[in-house]
Amino acid sequence: MTVLRVVLLILFAGIMAWLWHPILTEKKDDSVKQEEHLAKPDYIATQLQQLAYSENGQLNYQVKANKMEVFQELGFSHFTQPVFTLYNGEQNWELSAAEATLYDNNMLVLEGNVLAKNLTEGAMISDVFADNVRVDIKQKLMNSQQPVEIIGPSLKITGKGLTADLHNEVIELINHTKTIYYDQ
């Protein structure tokens, strides 16, 4: 009786090992290869100069960048050293940063030494400095939760966070810190 039990136990263990062998020896590299495939850009452009137009055919924005990587499946493009010029009739702005990400929904995220330069001559505000800025390109809305510095010909304003309507040139600080007016 005990010999029969030992034989059945060995037979059962052998069948279990045979059934579980494909699962236990499955290669883990397939999942890593899939992740690598998703992380690779669909295409890369260097020394990029691109124009984008709105639905009604007007120039919407221009971008120049040292490098652009497009991830179509993930729905965004990543830029290195970009300069975006947003066109809005006479109210034009030039945005530059260390890097930027443009999503398919026209949301632009600029990071690292962000400078928003007002290209309108004689404007009250000429430059906005921040470390991180989000811009809705379609609506021409800009916001940041980071410390910001706003410079004009006769003033310097510092604070934390801002919302800006670039179309109407309305900039509002969320948390005002200090304003300095210069005599002219």
N, C-alpha and C. Protein backbone atom coordinates (compact mmCIF):
# COMPACT_ATOMS: atom_id res chain seq x y z
N MET A 1 0.81 -1.19 0.00
CA MET A 1 0.00 0.00 0.00
C MET A 1 0.86 1.25 0.00
N THR A 2 1.91 1.31 0.72
CA THR A 2 2.76 2.49 0.75
C THR A 2 3.52 2.65 -0.55
N VAL A 3 3.89 1.55 -1.20
CA VAL A 3 4.58 1.63 -2.48
C VAL A 3 3.64 2.24 -3.52
N LEU A 4 2.38 1.83 -3.48
CA LEU A 4 1.39 2.38 -4.41
C LEU A 4 1.22 3.88 -4.20
N ARG A 5 1.21 4.31 -2.94
CA ARG A 5 1.09 5.74 -2.65
C ARG A 5 2.31 6.51 -3.17
N VAL A 6 3.48 5.99 -3.02
CA VAL A 6 4.70 6.64 -3.48
C VAL A 6 4.69 6.75 -5.00
N VAL A 7 4.26 5.70 -5.69
CA VAL A 7 4.20 5.70 -7.15
C VAL A 7 3.18 6.74 -7.61
N LEU A 8 2.01 6.78 -6.98
CA LEU A 8 0.99 7.77 -7.34
C LEU A 8 1.47 9.20 -7.06
N LEU A 9 2.17 9.37 -5.96
CA LEU A 9 2.71 10.69 -5.63
C LEU A 9 3.74 11.13 -6.66
N ILE A 10 4.61 10.25 -7.08
CA ILE A 10 5.62 10.57 -8.10
C ILE A 10 4.94 10.83 -9.43
N LEU A 11 3.95 10.03 -9.78
CA LEU A 11 3.20 10.23 -11.02
C LEU A 11 2.46 11.57 -11.01
N PHE A 12 1.84 11.90 -9.88
CA PHE A 12 1.13 13.17 -9.75
C PHE A 12 2.10 14.36 -9.86
N ALA A 13 3.25 14.26 -9.20
CA ALA A 13 4.25 15.32 -9.25
C ALA A 13 4.79 15.48 -10.67
N GLY A 14 4.98 14.39 -11.38
CA GLY A 14 5.47 14.45 -12.76
C GLY A 14 4.47 15.11 -13.68
N ILE A 15 3.19 14.79 -13.54
CA ILE A 15 2.14 15.40 -14.36
C ILE A 15 2.03 16.90 -14.06
N MET A 16 2.09 17.25 -12.78
CA MET A 16 2.02 18.67 -12.39
C MET A 16 3.22 19.44 -12.96
N ALA A 17 4.40 18.85 -12.88
CA ALA A 17 5.59 19.51 -13.42
C ALA A 17 5.46 19.67 -14.93
N TRP A 18 4.95 18.67 -15.61
CA TRP A 18 4.76 18.74 -17.06
C TRP A 18 3.75 19.83 -17.43
N LEU A 19 2.65 19.95 -16.67
CA LEU A 19 1.63 20.96 -16.93
C LEU A 19 2.11 22.38 -16.61
N TRP A 20 2.88 22.56 -15.57
CA TRP A 20 3.33 23.88 -15.14
C TRP A 20 4.63 24.32 -15.82
N HIS A 21 5.31 23.43 -16.49
CA HIS A 21 6.60 23.75 -17.11
C HIS A 21 6.53 24.94 -18.09
N PRO A 22 5.56 25.02 -19.00
CA PRO A 22 5.52 26.17 -19.92
C PRO A 22 5.30 27.50 -19.19
N ILE A 23 4.53 27.49 -18.12
CA ILE A 23 4.25 28.73 -17.39
C ILE A 23 5.48 29.17 -16.60
N LEU A 24 6.16 28.21 -15.98
CA LEU A 24 7.33 28.53 -15.17
C LEU A 24 8.53 28.93 -16.00
N THR A 25 8.63 28.45 -17.23
CA THR A 25 9.79 28.78 -18.08
C THR A 25 9.49 29.87 -19.09
N GLU A 26 8.34 30.53 -18.96
CA GLU A 26 7.97 31.59 -19.89
C GLU A 26 8.96 32.75 -19.78
N LYS A 27 9.34 33.31 -20.93
CA LYS A 27 10.31 34.41 -20.96
C LYS A 27 9.63 35.69 -20.51
N LYS A 28 10.33 36.45 -19.68
CA LYS A 28 9.82 37.73 -19.19
C LYS A 28 10.20 38.87 -20.14
N ASP A 29 11.03 38.64 -21.14
CA ASP A 29 11.51 39.68 -22.04
C ASP A 29 10.41 40.24 -22.94
N ASP A 30 9.34 39.49 -23.19
CA ASP A 30 8.27 39.97 -24.07
C ASP A 30 7.63 41.23 -23.54
N SER A 31 7.36 41.27 -22.23
CA SER A 31 6.73 42.47 -21.66
C SER A 31 7.70 43.64 -21.69
N VAL A 32 8.98 43.38 -21.47
CA VAL A 32 9.97 44.45 -21.53
C VAL A 32 10.07 44.99 -22.95
N LYS A 33 10.05 44.12 -23.95
CA LYS A 33 10.12 44.55 -25.34
C LYS A 33 8.90 45.40 -25.71
N GLN A 34 7.72 45.04 -25.21
CA GLN A 34 6.52 45.83 -25.48
C GLN A 34 6.64 47.22 -24.87
N GLU A 35 7.15 47.31 -23.62
CA GLU A 35 7.31 48.59 -22.98
C GLU A 35 8.34 49.43 -23.73
N GLU A 36 9.43 48.81 -24.16
CA GLU A 36 10.44 49.54 -24.93
C GLU A 36 9.84 50.05 -26.24
N HIS A 37 8.99 49.24 -26.87
CA HIS A 37 8.36 49.65 -28.13
C HIS A 37 7.47 50.88 -27.90
N LEU A 38 6.73 50.90 -26.80
CA LEU A 38 5.88 52.05 -26.51
C LEU A 38 6.68 53.28 -26.15
N ALA A 39 7.86 53.09 -25.56
CA ALA A 39 8.66 54.23 -25.13
C ALA A 39 9.49 54.82 -26.25
N LYS A 40 9.58 54.17 -27.39
CA LYS A 40 10.36 54.70 -28.50
C LYS A 40 9.50 55.63 -29.33
N PRO A 41 10.05 56.78 -29.74
CA PRO A 41 9.27 57.71 -30.57
C PRO A 41 9.01 57.14 -31.96
N ASP A 42 7.89 57.56 -32.54
CA ASP A 42 7.57 57.14 -33.90
C ASP A 42 8.51 57.79 -34.90
N TYR A 43 8.87 59.03 -34.65
CA TYR A 43 9.91 59.66 -35.46
C TYR A 43 10.54 60.81 -34.67
N ILE A 44 11.73 61.19 -35.10
CA ILE A 44 12.52 62.25 -34.45
C ILE A 44 12.90 63.27 -35.51
N ALA A 45 12.78 64.53 -35.16
CA ALA A 45 13.21 65.62 -36.05
C ALA A 45 14.23 66.47 -35.30
N THR A 46 15.28 66.86 -35.98
CA THR A 46 16.27 67.76 -35.38
C THR A 46 16.26 69.08 -36.14
N GLN A 47 16.62 70.14 -35.43
CA GLN A 47 16.60 71.49 -35.99
C GLN A 47 15.24 71.77 -36.65
N LEU A 48 14.20 71.52 -35.89
CA LEU A 48 12.82 71.63 -36.37
C LEU A 48 12.38 73.08 -36.54
N GLN A 49 11.67 73.34 -37.63
CA GLN A 49 10.96 74.60 -37.87
C GLN A 49 9.62 74.21 -38.47
N GLN A 50 8.54 74.50 -37.76
CA GLN A 50 7.22 74.04 -38.18
C GLN A 50 6.19 75.14 -37.97
N LEU A 51 5.26 75.25 -38.91
CA LEU A 51 4.14 76.18 -38.80
C LEU A 51 2.86 75.37 -38.62
N ALA A 52 1.95 75.86 -37.78
CA ALA A 52 0.66 75.21 -37.58
C ALA A 52 -0.45 76.22 -37.81
N TYR A 53 -1.46 75.80 -38.54
CA TYR A 53 -2.56 76.69 -38.89
C TYR A 53 -3.84 76.24 -38.19
N SER A 54 -4.74 77.20 -37.94
CA SER A 54 -6.04 76.88 -37.33
C SER A 54 -6.97 76.33 -38.41
N GLU A 55 -8.17 75.93 -37.98
CA GLU A 55 -9.15 75.36 -38.92
C GLU A 55 -9.57 76.35 -40.00
N ASN A 56 -9.55 77.65 -39.66
CA ASN A 56 -9.96 78.66 -40.65
C ASN A 56 -8.79 79.15 -41.50
N GLY A 57 -7.63 78.51 -41.41
CA GLY A 57 -6.50 78.81 -42.28
C GLY A 57 -5.56 79.90 -41.81
N GLN A 58 -5.78 80.42 -40.60
CA GLN A 58 -4.89 81.45 -40.09
C GLN A 58 -3.72 80.81 -39.36
N LEU A 59 -2.58 81.48 -39.39
CA LEU A 59 -1.39 80.98 -38.70
C LEU A 59 -1.67 80.96 -37.20
N ASN A 60 -1.55 79.77 -36.58
CA ASN A 60 -1.86 79.60 -35.17
C ASN A 60 -0.60 79.71 -34.32
N TYR A 61 0.42 78.93 -34.69
CA TYR A 61 1.69 79.01 -33.97
C TYR A 61 2.82 78.49 -34.84
N GLN A 62 4.01 78.86 -34.43
CA GLN A 62 5.24 78.41 -35.08
C GLN A 62 6.12 77.82 -33.98
N VAL A 63 6.81 76.75 -34.30
CA VAL A 63 7.72 76.17 -33.33
C VAL A 63 9.08 75.92 -33.98
N LYS A 64 10.11 76.26 -33.23
CA LYS A 64 11.49 75.93 -33.59
C LYS A 64 12.05 75.18 -32.39
N ALA A 65 12.79 74.11 -32.67
CA ALA A 65 13.35 73.31 -31.57
C ALA A 65 14.60 72.59 -32.05
N ASN A 66 15.50 72.33 -31.10
CA ASN A 66 16.69 71.54 -31.43
C ASN A 66 16.31 70.11 -31.78
N LYS A 67 15.28 69.58 -31.08
CA LYS A 67 14.88 68.19 -31.31
C LYS A 67 13.41 68.03 -30.97
N MET A 68 12.71 67.22 -31.77
CA MET A 68 11.33 66.87 -31.49
C MET A 68 11.18 65.36 -31.61
N GLU A 69 10.54 64.74 -30.62
CA GLU A 69 10.24 63.32 -30.66
C GLU A 69 8.72 63.17 -30.63
N VAL A 70 8.16 62.45 -31.59
CA VAL A 70 6.71 62.29 -31.70
C VAL A 70 6.33 60.88 -31.26
N PHE A 71 5.41 60.81 -30.30
CA PHE A 71 4.87 59.55 -29.80
C PHE A 71 3.38 59.52 -30.16
N GLN A 72 3.08 59.01 -31.35
CA GLN A 72 1.71 59.07 -31.87
C GLN A 72 0.74 58.23 -31.04
N GLU A 73 1.12 57.03 -30.65
CA GLU A 73 0.22 56.17 -29.87
C GLU A 73 -0.09 56.78 -28.51
N LEU A 74 0.88 57.47 -27.92
CA LEU A 74 0.68 58.07 -26.61
C LEU A 74 0.06 59.46 -26.70
N GLY A 75 0.05 60.05 -27.89
CA GLY A 75 -0.65 61.31 -28.10
C GLY A 75 0.10 62.56 -27.69
N PHE A 76 1.43 62.57 -27.82
CA PHE A 76 2.16 63.79 -27.51
C PHE A 76 3.46 63.86 -28.29
N SER A 77 4.02 65.07 -28.32
CA SER A 77 5.33 65.33 -28.92
C SER A 77 6.19 66.01 -27.87
N HIS A 78 7.45 65.62 -27.80
CA HIS A 78 8.37 66.19 -26.83
C HIS A 78 9.43 67.01 -27.56
N PHE A 79 9.69 68.23 -27.06
CA PHE A 79 10.62 69.15 -27.70
C PHE A 79 11.78 69.48 -26.76
N THR A 80 12.97 69.62 -27.34
CA THR A 80 14.14 70.07 -26.60
C THR A 80 14.53 71.46 -27.10
N GLN A 81 14.71 72.39 -26.18
CA GLN A 81 15.03 73.80 -26.48
C GLN A 81 14.02 74.41 -27.46
N PRO A 82 12.72 74.33 -27.14
CA PRO A 82 11.73 74.86 -28.08
C PRO A 82 11.53 76.37 -27.95
N VAL A 83 11.09 76.97 -29.04
CA VAL A 83 10.62 78.35 -29.06
C VAL A 83 9.30 78.33 -29.82
N PHE A 84 8.20 78.54 -29.10
CA PHE A 84 6.87 78.58 -29.69
C PHE A 84 6.46 80.04 -29.84
N THR A 85 6.00 80.41 -31.02
CA THR A 85 5.46 81.75 -31.24
C THR A 85 3.96 81.57 -31.48
N LEU A 86 3.16 82.12 -30.55
CA LEU A 86 1.69 82.04 -30.65
C LEU A 86 1.19 83.29 -31.36
N TYR A 87 0.48 83.08 -32.47
CA TYR A 87 -0.04 84.20 -33.26
C TYR A 87 -1.51 84.42 -32.93
N ASN A 88 -1.84 85.68 -32.68
CA ASN A 88 -3.20 86.04 -32.34
C ASN A 88 -3.46 87.46 -32.82
N GLY A 89 -3.38 87.67 -34.11
CA GLY A 89 -3.53 89.03 -34.64
C GLY A 89 -2.36 89.89 -34.22
N GLU A 90 -2.65 90.96 -33.48
CA GLU A 90 -1.59 91.84 -33.00
C GLU A 90 -1.01 91.39 -31.66
N GLN A 91 -1.67 90.48 -31.00
CA GLN A 91 -1.24 90.01 -29.67
C GLN A 91 -0.44 88.72 -29.82
N ASN A 92 0.84 88.82 -30.13
CA ASN A 92 1.68 87.66 -30.35
C ASN A 92 2.64 87.46 -29.18
N TRP A 93 2.87 86.19 -28.83
CA TRP A 93 3.76 85.85 -27.72
C TRP A 93 4.75 84.81 -28.18
N GLU A 94 5.98 84.90 -27.65
CA GLU A 94 7.02 83.92 -27.93
C GLU A 94 7.34 83.21 -26.61
N LEU A 95 7.20 81.89 -26.60
CA LEU A 95 7.42 81.08 -25.41
C LEU A 95 8.63 80.19 -25.62
N SER A 96 9.58 80.24 -24.72
CA SER A 96 10.76 79.38 -24.83
C SER A 96 10.99 78.69 -23.48
N ALA A 97 11.67 77.53 -23.55
CA ALA A 97 11.94 76.74 -22.35
C ALA A 97 13.04 75.73 -22.64
N ALA A 98 13.47 75.04 -21.60
CA ALA A 98 14.47 73.98 -21.78
C ALA A 98 13.85 72.80 -22.52
N GLU A 99 12.59 72.48 -22.18
CA GLU A 99 11.88 71.41 -22.88
C GLU A 99 10.38 71.65 -22.79
N ALA A 100 9.66 71.00 -23.68
CA ALA A 100 8.21 71.16 -23.73
C ALA A 100 7.56 69.89 -24.24
N THR A 101 6.30 69.71 -23.85
CA THR A 101 5.50 68.59 -24.33
C THR A 101 4.20 69.16 -24.89
N LEU A 102 3.88 68.79 -26.12
CA LEU A 102 2.65 69.23 -26.77
C LEU A 102 1.74 68.02 -26.93
N TYR A 103 0.57 68.08 -26.30
CA TYR A 103 -0.39 66.98 -26.35
C TYR A 103 -1.36 67.18 -27.50
N ASP A 104 -2.03 66.10 -27.90
CA ASP A 104 -2.95 66.14 -29.03
C ASP A 104 -4.11 67.11 -28.83
N ASN A 105 -4.44 67.43 -27.58
CA ASN A 105 -5.55 68.35 -27.31
C ASN A 105 -5.09 69.81 -27.31
N ASN A 106 -3.91 70.09 -27.91
CA ASN A 106 -3.33 71.43 -28.00
C ASN A 106 -2.95 72.02 -26.65
N MET A 107 -2.67 71.14 -25.67
CA MET A 107 -2.16 71.60 -24.38
C MET A 107 -0.64 71.51 -24.44
N LEU A 108 0.02 72.61 -24.17
CA LEU A 108 1.48 72.70 -24.22
C LEU A 108 1.99 72.88 -22.80
N VAL A 109 2.94 72.03 -22.39
CA VAL A 109 3.56 72.14 -21.07
C VAL A 109 5.03 72.48 -21.28
N LEU A 110 5.41 73.65 -20.81
CA LEU A 110 6.80 74.11 -20.91
C LEU A 110 7.47 73.95 -19.55
N GLU A 111 8.71 73.44 -19.55
CA GLU A 111 9.41 73.20 -18.29
C GLU A 111 10.86 73.66 -18.37
N GLY A 112 11.33 74.28 -17.30
CA GLY A 112 12.72 74.68 -17.19
C GLY A 112 13.02 76.01 -17.83
N ASN A 113 13.24 77.04 -17.02
CA ASN A 113 13.58 78.38 -17.50
C ASN A 113 12.62 78.89 -18.57
N VAL A 114 11.36 78.89 -18.24
CA VAL A 114 10.33 79.32 -19.19
C VAL A 114 10.33 80.85 -19.29
N LEU A 115 10.32 81.34 -20.51
CA LEU A 115 10.21 82.77 -20.78
C LEU A 115 9.07 82.98 -21.76
N ALA A 116 8.07 83.76 -21.35
CA ALA A 116 6.99 84.17 -22.23
C ALA A 116 7.23 85.63 -22.57
N LYS A 117 7.53 85.90 -23.82
CA LYS A 117 7.90 87.25 -24.27
C LYS A 117 6.75 87.82 -25.09
N ASN A 118 6.26 88.99 -24.68
CA ASN A 118 5.20 89.68 -25.39
C ASN A 118 5.82 90.37 -26.60
N LEU A 119 5.35 90.05 -27.80
CA LEU A 119 5.89 90.63 -29.03
C LEU A 119 5.14 91.90 -29.44
N THR A 120 4.15 92.31 -28.64
CA THR A 120 3.39 93.52 -28.92
C THR A 120 4.20 94.73 -28.45
N GLU A 121 4.47 95.65 -29.34
CA GLU A 121 5.27 96.82 -29.02
C GLU A 121 4.51 97.75 -28.08
N GLY A 122 5.20 98.26 -27.06
CA GLY A 122 4.61 99.21 -26.13
C GLY A 122 3.68 98.60 -25.11
N ALA A 123 3.69 97.28 -24.95
CA ALA A 123 2.79 96.63 -23.99
C ALA A 123 3.26 96.88 -22.56
N MET A 124 2.33 96.86 -21.62
CA MET A 124 2.64 97.08 -20.21
C MET A 124 3.49 95.95 -19.65
N ILE A 125 3.28 94.73 -20.15
CA ILE A 125 4.04 93.56 -19.71
C ILE A 125 4.84 93.05 -20.90
N SER A 126 6.15 92.92 -20.71
CA SER A 126 6.99 92.46 -21.80
C SER A 126 7.44 91.01 -21.63
N ASP A 127 7.74 90.58 -20.40
CA ASP A 127 8.26 89.23 -20.17
C ASP A 127 7.61 88.60 -18.94
N VAL A 128 7.42 87.28 -19.01
CA VAL A 128 6.97 86.49 -17.86
C VAL A 128 7.95 85.34 -17.71
N PHE A 129 8.55 85.23 -16.53
CA PHE A 129 9.50 84.16 -16.24
C PHE A 129 8.88 83.18 -15.25
N ALA A 130 9.07 81.88 -15.48
CA ALA A 130 8.59 80.84 -14.56
C ALA A 130 9.39 79.57 -14.81
N ASP A 131 9.20 78.58 -13.95
CA ASP A 131 9.89 77.31 -14.15
C ASP A 131 9.01 76.30 -14.88
N ASN A 132 7.70 76.47 -14.76
CA ASN A 132 6.77 75.51 -15.37
C ASN A 132 5.51 76.26 -15.76
N VAL A 133 5.08 76.11 -17.03
CA VAL A 133 3.90 76.81 -17.52
C VAL A 133 3.10 75.87 -18.41
N ARG A 134 1.76 75.93 -18.28
CA ARG A 134 0.84 75.19 -19.16
C ARG A 134 0.12 76.20 -20.04
N VAL A 135 0.03 75.88 -21.34
CA VAL A 135 -0.61 76.80 -22.28
C VAL A 135 -1.63 76.02 -23.11
N ASP A 136 -2.86 76.52 -23.13
CA ASP A 136 -3.87 75.99 -24.03
C ASP A 136 -3.74 76.80 -25.32
N ILE A 137 -3.17 76.19 -26.35
CA ILE A 137 -2.85 76.92 -27.58
C ILE A 137 -4.10 77.42 -28.28
N LYS A 138 -5.15 76.61 -28.28
CA LYS A 138 -6.38 77.02 -28.97
C LYS A 138 -7.02 78.24 -28.32
N GLN A 139 -7.13 78.20 -27.00
CA GLN A 139 -7.79 79.28 -26.26
C GLN A 139 -6.83 80.42 -25.91
N LYS A 140 -5.53 80.22 -26.12
CA LYS A 140 -4.50 81.21 -25.77
C LYS A 140 -4.54 81.54 -24.28
N LEU A 141 -4.65 80.48 -23.46
CA LEU A 141 -4.66 80.63 -22.01
C LEU A 141 -3.39 80.02 -21.44
N MET A 142 -2.78 80.71 -20.48
CA MET A 142 -1.54 80.25 -19.87
C MET A 142 -1.74 80.23 -18.36
N ASN A 143 -1.23 79.18 -17.70
CA ASN A 143 -1.28 79.17 -16.24
C ASN A 143 -0.06 78.46 -15.67
N SER A 144 0.23 78.80 -14.43
CA SER A 144 1.35 78.20 -13.72
C SER A 144 1.03 78.22 -12.23
N GLN A 145 1.52 77.22 -11.52
CA GLN A 145 1.40 77.17 -10.07
C GLN A 145 2.74 77.47 -9.41
N GLN A 146 3.76 77.72 -10.20
CA GLN A 146 5.12 77.96 -9.73
C GLN A 146 5.36 79.45 -9.48
N PRO A 147 6.46 79.79 -8.80
CA PRO A 147 6.81 81.21 -8.66
C PRO A 147 7.02 81.84 -10.05
N VAL A 148 6.54 83.06 -10.21
CA VAL A 148 6.64 83.76 -11.49
C VAL A 148 7.18 85.17 -11.27
N GLU A 149 7.76 85.70 -12.33
CA GLU A 149 8.24 87.07 -12.32
C GLU A 149 7.74 87.72 -13.60
N ILE A 150 7.06 88.85 -13.44
CA ILE A 150 6.49 89.57 -14.57
C ILE A 150 7.25 90.89 -14.70
N ILE A 151 7.77 91.13 -15.90
CA ILE A 151 8.59 92.32 -16.15
C ILE A 151 7.90 93.19 -17.19
N GLY A 152 7.91 94.48 -16.96
CA GLY A 152 7.41 95.46 -17.93
C GLY A 152 8.39 96.60 -18.03
N PRO A 153 8.13 97.54 -18.92
CA PRO A 153 9.06 98.66 -19.09
C PRO A 153 9.24 99.47 -17.80
N SER A 154 8.21 99.52 -16.96
CA SER A 154 8.30 100.34 -15.76
C SER A 154 7.93 99.58 -14.49
N LEU A 155 7.93 98.25 -14.53
CA LEU A 155 7.55 97.50 -13.33
C LEU A 155 8.15 96.10 -13.32
N LYS A 156 8.18 95.55 -12.12
CA LYS A 156 8.60 94.16 -11.90
C LYS A 156 7.69 93.61 -10.81
N ILE A 157 6.99 92.50 -11.13
CA ILE A 157 6.05 91.90 -10.20
C ILE A 157 6.49 90.45 -9.95
N THR A 158 6.50 90.03 -8.70
CA THR A 158 6.81 88.65 -8.36
C THR A 158 5.63 88.05 -7.60
N GLY A 159 5.46 86.77 -7.76
CA GLY A 159 4.38 86.08 -7.08
C GLY A 159 4.48 84.59 -7.32
N LYS A 160 3.46 83.89 -6.85
CA LYS A 160 3.42 82.44 -7.06
C LYS A 160 2.12 82.11 -7.77
N GLY A 161 2.26 81.54 -8.96
CA GLY A 161 1.11 81.13 -9.74
C GLY A 161 0.50 82.29 -10.51
N LEU A 162 0.01 81.96 -11.71
CA LEU A 162 -0.66 82.97 -12.52
C LEU A 162 -1.61 82.30 -13.48
N THR A 163 -2.59 83.06 -13.89
CA THR A 163 -3.46 82.69 -14.99
C THR A 163 -3.40 83.87 -15.96
N ALA A 164 -3.31 83.55 -17.24
CA ALA A 164 -3.17 84.62 -18.23
C ALA A 164 -4.01 84.29 -19.45
N ASP A 165 -4.68 85.30 -19.95
CA ASP A 165 -5.40 85.22 -21.21
C ASP A 165 -4.56 85.99 -22.21
N LEU A 166 -3.79 85.28 -23.02
CA LEU A 166 -2.87 85.93 -23.95
C LEU A 166 -3.61 86.64 -25.08
N HIS A 167 -4.83 86.22 -25.34
CA HIS A 167 -5.64 86.85 -26.37
C HIS A 167 -6.00 88.28 -25.97
N ASN A 168 -6.41 88.46 -24.72
CA ASN A 168 -6.83 89.77 -24.23
C ASN A 168 -5.76 90.48 -23.41
N GLU A 169 -4.60 89.86 -23.24
CA GLU A 169 -3.51 90.39 -22.43
C GLU A 169 -3.96 90.69 -21.01
N VAL A 170 -4.61 89.73 -20.39
CA VAL A 170 -5.01 89.84 -19.00
C VAL A 170 -4.22 88.80 -18.23
N ILE A 171 -3.39 89.27 -17.29
CA ILE A 171 -2.58 88.38 -16.47
C ILE A 171 -2.95 88.60 -15.01
N GLU A 172 -3.25 87.53 -14.31
CA GLU A 172 -3.65 87.61 -12.91
C GLU A 172 -2.75 86.71 -12.08
N LEU A 173 -2.14 87.29 -11.04
CA LEU A 173 -1.32 86.50 -10.12
C LEU A 173 -2.22 85.82 -9.11
N ILE A 174 -1.90 84.57 -8.79
CA ILE A 174 -2.68 83.84 -7.79
C ILE A 174 -2.26 84.29 -6.39
N ASN A 175 -0.96 84.41 -6.17
CA ASN A 175 -0.44 84.84 -4.87
C ASN A 175 0.62 85.91 -5.11
N HIS A 176 0.26 87.16 -4.96
CA HIS A 176 1.15 88.29 -5.22
C HIS A 176 2.16 88.41 -4.08
N THR A 177 3.43 88.62 -4.43
CA THR A 177 4.47 88.77 -3.42
C THR A 177 4.97 90.21 -3.33
N LYS A 178 5.41 90.76 -4.49
CA LYS A 178 6.01 92.10 -4.45
C LYS A 178 5.88 92.75 -5.82
N THR A 179 5.72 94.07 -5.82
CA THR A 179 5.71 94.86 -7.04
C THR A 179 6.68 96.02 -6.89
N ILE A 180 7.49 96.24 -7.89
CA ILE A 180 8.42 97.37 -7.90
C ILE A 180 8.11 98.20 -9.15
N TYR A 181 7.86 99.51 -8.93
CA TYR A 181 7.63 100.44 -10.05
C TYR A 181 8.90 101.25 -10.25
N TYR A 182 9.27 101.42 -11.52
CA TYR A 182 10.44 102.20 -11.87
C TYR A 182 10.01 103.56 -12.39
N ASP A 183 10.73 104.61 -12.00
CA ASP A 183 10.44 105.95 -12.53
C ASP A 183 10.92 106.06 -13.95
N GLN A 184 10.18 106.79 -14.75
CA GLN A 184 10.62 106.99 -16.13
C GLN A 184 10.77 108.44 -16.42
